[in-house]
Amino acid sequence: MLNNIKISQTTEEIILNINIIADIDEILEELDLKLPRLKDFYQTSTIPMRITGKLFTDSEIERIKERIHEEISVEIKFDNVSDSLRTSCHKENF
C-alpha cells in the first residue's frame, strides 16, 4: 500500500500532504486509489483542496490537477516555496 499522501481536513480546506521524496508517478497512482473517497466527500462539500509537503514543477501541478478534476470539481491550491519554508521553520520553532 502506498503511503505518500496523507489527507486531513480543517474547517476551511482539505489538505493533501505529499511525501517530499515521492515521485510523480507514485503520487498519481495513490491519487487514483484515494480519489473515490474524496469524491464521496465532495458530493456534499465545496471547501477547497490544498496540496502541500512537496514542491512540484508546473507540468507536475497540471498533471495532478487534471487527475483530480477528472473525478472532482474543486478549487485546488498548491503551496509555493515561501509557504513550505514558512511551515518548516514554524515547526522547528515549536
C-alpha atoms as a PDB file:
ATOM      1  CA  MET A   1       0.000   0.000   0.000  1.00  0.00           C
ATOM      2  CA  LEU A   2       1.287   3.421  -0.867  1.00  0.00           C
ATOM      3  CA  ASN A   3       1.695   5.975   1.904  1.00  0.00           C
ATOM      4  CA  ASN A   4       2.776   9.088   0.048  1.00  0.00           C
ATOM      5  CA  ILE A   5      -0.415  11.107   0.549  1.00  0.00           C
ATOM      6  CA  LYS A   6      -1.855  11.970   3.951  1.00  0.00           C
ATOM      7  CA  ILE A   7      -5.306  13.546   3.873  1.00  0.00           C
ATOM      8  CA  SER A   8      -6.565  15.820   6.627  1.00  0.00           C
ATOM      9  CA  GLN A   9      -9.338  18.374   6.974  1.00  0.00           C
ATOM     10  CA  THR A  10      -9.790  21.743   8.603  1.00  0.00           C
ATOM     11  CA  THR A  11     -12.929  23.840   8.582  1.00  0.00           C
ATOM     12  CA  GLU A  12     -11.510  25.793   5.617  1.00  0.00           C
ATOM     13  CA  GLU A  13      -9.930  23.102   3.438  1.00  0.00           C
ATOM     14  CA  ILE A  14      -8.958  19.525   2.688  1.00  0.00           C
ATOM     15  CA  ILE A  15      -5.181  19.117   2.900  1.00  0.00           C
ATOM     16  CA  LEU A  16      -3.235  16.575   0.886  1.00  0.00           C
ATOM     17  CA  ASN A  17       0.221  16.350   2.425  1.00  0.00           C
ATOM     18  CA  ILE A  18       2.549  14.757  -0.116  1.00  0.00           C
ATOM     19  CA  ASN A  19       5.703  12.878   0.875  1.00  0.00           C
ATOM     20  CA  ILE A  20       8.635  15.023  -0.237  1.00  0.00           C
ATOM     21  CA  ILE A  21      10.537  12.065  -1.725  1.00  0.00           C
ATOM     22  CA  ALA A  22       7.625  10.555  -3.671  1.00  0.00           C
ATOM     23  CA  ASP A  23       7.875  10.730  -7.436  1.00  0.00           C
ATOM     24  CA  ILE A  24       5.028  11.966  -9.599  1.00  0.00           C
ATOM     25  CA  ASP A  25       4.054   8.500 -10.852  1.00  0.00           C
ATOM     26  CA  GLU A  26       3.705   7.191  -7.285  1.00  0.00           C
ATOM     27  CA  ILE A  27       1.637  10.235  -6.352  1.00  0.00           C
ATOM     28  CA  LEU A  28      -0.706   9.822  -9.324  1.00  0.00           C
ATOM     29  CA  GLU A  29      -1.091   6.093  -8.599  1.00  0.00           C
ATOM     30  CA  GLU A  30      -2.007   6.800  -4.989  1.00  0.00           C
ATOM     31  CA  LEU A  31      -4.380   9.586  -6.029  1.00  0.00           C
ATOM     32  CA  ASP A  32      -6.232   7.046  -8.157  1.00  0.00           C
ATOM     33  CA  LEU A  33      -6.778   4.959  -5.013  1.00  0.00           C
ATOM     34  CA  LYS A  34      -7.833   7.851  -2.782  1.00  0.00           C
ATOM     35  CA  LEU A  35      -9.953   9.922  -5.164  1.00  0.00           C
ATOM     36  CA  PRO A  36     -13.093   7.761  -4.845  1.00  0.00           C
ATOM     37  CA  ARG A  37     -13.329   8.540  -1.112  1.00  0.00           C
ATOM     38  CA  LEU A  38     -12.678  12.217  -1.736  1.00  0.00           C
ATOM     39  CA  LYS A  39     -15.297  12.211  -4.484  1.00  0.00           C
ATOM     40  CA  ASP A  40     -17.849  10.904  -1.975  1.00  0.00           C
ATOM     41  CA  PHE A  41     -16.913  13.694   0.430  1.00  0.00           C
ATOM     42  CA  TYR A  42     -17.203  16.379  -2.250  1.00  0.00           C
ATOM     43  CA  GLN A  43     -20.764  15.386  -3.089  1.00  0.00           C
ATOM     44  CA  THR A  44     -21.782  17.422  -0.037  1.00  0.00           C
ATOM     45  CA  SER A  45     -18.861  19.845   0.365  1.00  0.00           C
ATOM     46  CA  THR A  46     -17.337  22.709  -1.604  1.00  0.00           C
ATOM     47  CA  ILE A  47     -14.267  23.551   0.502  1.00  0.00           C
ATOM     48  CA  PRO A  48     -11.027  23.939  -1.470  1.00  0.00           C
ATOM     49  CA  MET A  49      -8.219  21.416  -1.546  1.00  0.00           C
ATOM     50  CA  ARG A  50      -4.633  22.374  -0.694  1.00  0.00           C
ATOM     51  CA  ILE A  51      -1.629  20.308  -1.704  1.00  0.00           C
ATOM     52  CA  THR A  52       1.421  20.705   0.472  1.00  0.00           C
ATOM     53  CA  GLY A  53       4.611  18.953   1.568  1.00  0.00           C
ATOM     54  CA  LYS A  54       6.336  18.673  -1.804  1.00  0.00           C
ATOM     55  CA  LEU A  55       7.183  21.308  -4.364  1.00  0.00           C
ATOM     56  CA  PHE A  56       6.143  20.454  -7.907  1.00  0.00           C
ATOM     57  CA  THR A  57       7.118  21.631 -11.354  1.00  0.00           C
ATOM     58  CA  ASP A  58       4.455  23.378 -13.418  1.00  0.00           C
ATOM     59  CA  SER A  59       3.907  20.257 -15.521  1.00  0.00           C
ATOM     60  CA  GLU A  60       3.528  18.081 -12.397  1.00  0.00           C
ATOM     61  CA  ILE A  61       0.991  20.541 -10.986  1.00  0.00           C
ATOM     62  CA  GLU A  62      -1.010  20.319 -14.205  1.00  0.00           C
ATOM     63  CA  ARG A  63      -0.914  16.510 -14.161  1.00  0.00           C
ATOM     64  CA  ILE A  64      -2.155  16.401 -10.562  1.00  0.00           C
ATOM     65  CA  LYS A  65      -4.891  18.981 -11.221  1.00  0.00           C
ATOM     66  CA  GLU A  66      -6.059  17.087 -14.304  1.00  0.00           C
ATOM     67  CA  ARG A  67      -6.212  13.811 -12.390  1.00  0.00           C
ATOM     68  CA  ILE A  68      -8.229  15.346  -9.548  1.00  0.00           C
ATOM     69  CA  HIS A  69     -10.545  17.284 -11.878  1.00  0.00           C
ATOM     70  CA  GLU A  70     -11.358  14.076 -13.778  1.00  0.00           C
ATOM     71  CA  GLU A  71     -13.188  12.985 -10.611  1.00  0.00           C
ATOM     72  CA  ILE A  72     -13.948  16.109  -8.589  1.00  0.00           C
ATOM     73  CA  SER A  73     -14.835  19.701  -9.381  1.00  0.00           C
ATOM     74  CA  VAL A  74     -12.870  21.509  -6.674  1.00  0.00           C
ATOM     75  CA  GLU A  75     -10.599  24.509  -6.271  1.00  0.00           C
ATOM     76  CA  ILE A  76      -7.021  23.240  -5.835  1.00  0.00           C
ATOM     77  CA  LYS A  77      -4.229  25.280  -4.293  1.00  0.00           C
ATOM     78  CA  PHE A  78      -0.568  24.288  -4.203  1.00  0.00           C
ATOM     79  CA  ASP A  79       1.847  25.605  -1.601  1.00  0.00           C
ATOM     80  CA  ASN A  80       4.669  27.590  -3.105  1.00  0.00           C
ATOM     81  CA  VAL A  81       8.290  27.762  -1.917  1.00  0.00           C
ATOM     82  CA  SER A  82       7.695  30.515   0.642  1.00  0.00           C
ATOM     83  CA  ASP A  83       4.713  28.625   2.131  1.00  0.00           C
ATOM     84  CA  SER A  84       6.784  25.468   2.504  1.00  0.00           C
ATOM     85  CA  LEU A  85       9.705  27.311   4.076  1.00  0.00           C
ATOM     86  CA  ARG A  86       7.399  29.134   6.472  1.00  0.00           C
ATOM     87  CA  THR A  87       5.778  25.847   7.522  1.00  0.00           C
ATOM     88  CA  SER A  88       9.094  24.052   8.085  1.00  0.00           C
ATOM     89  CA  CYS A  89      10.551  26.999  10.019  1.00  0.00           C
ATOM     90  CA  HIS A  90       7.418  27.277  12.106  1.00  0.00           C
ATOM     91  CA  LYS A  91       7.564  23.592  13.044  1.00  0.00           C
ATOM     92  CA  GLU A  92      11.211  23.862  14.112  1.00  0.00           C
ATOM     93  CA  ASN A  93      10.450  26.702  16.494  1.00  0.00           C
ATOM     94  CA  PHE A  94       7.850  24.756  18.429  1.00  0.00           C
END
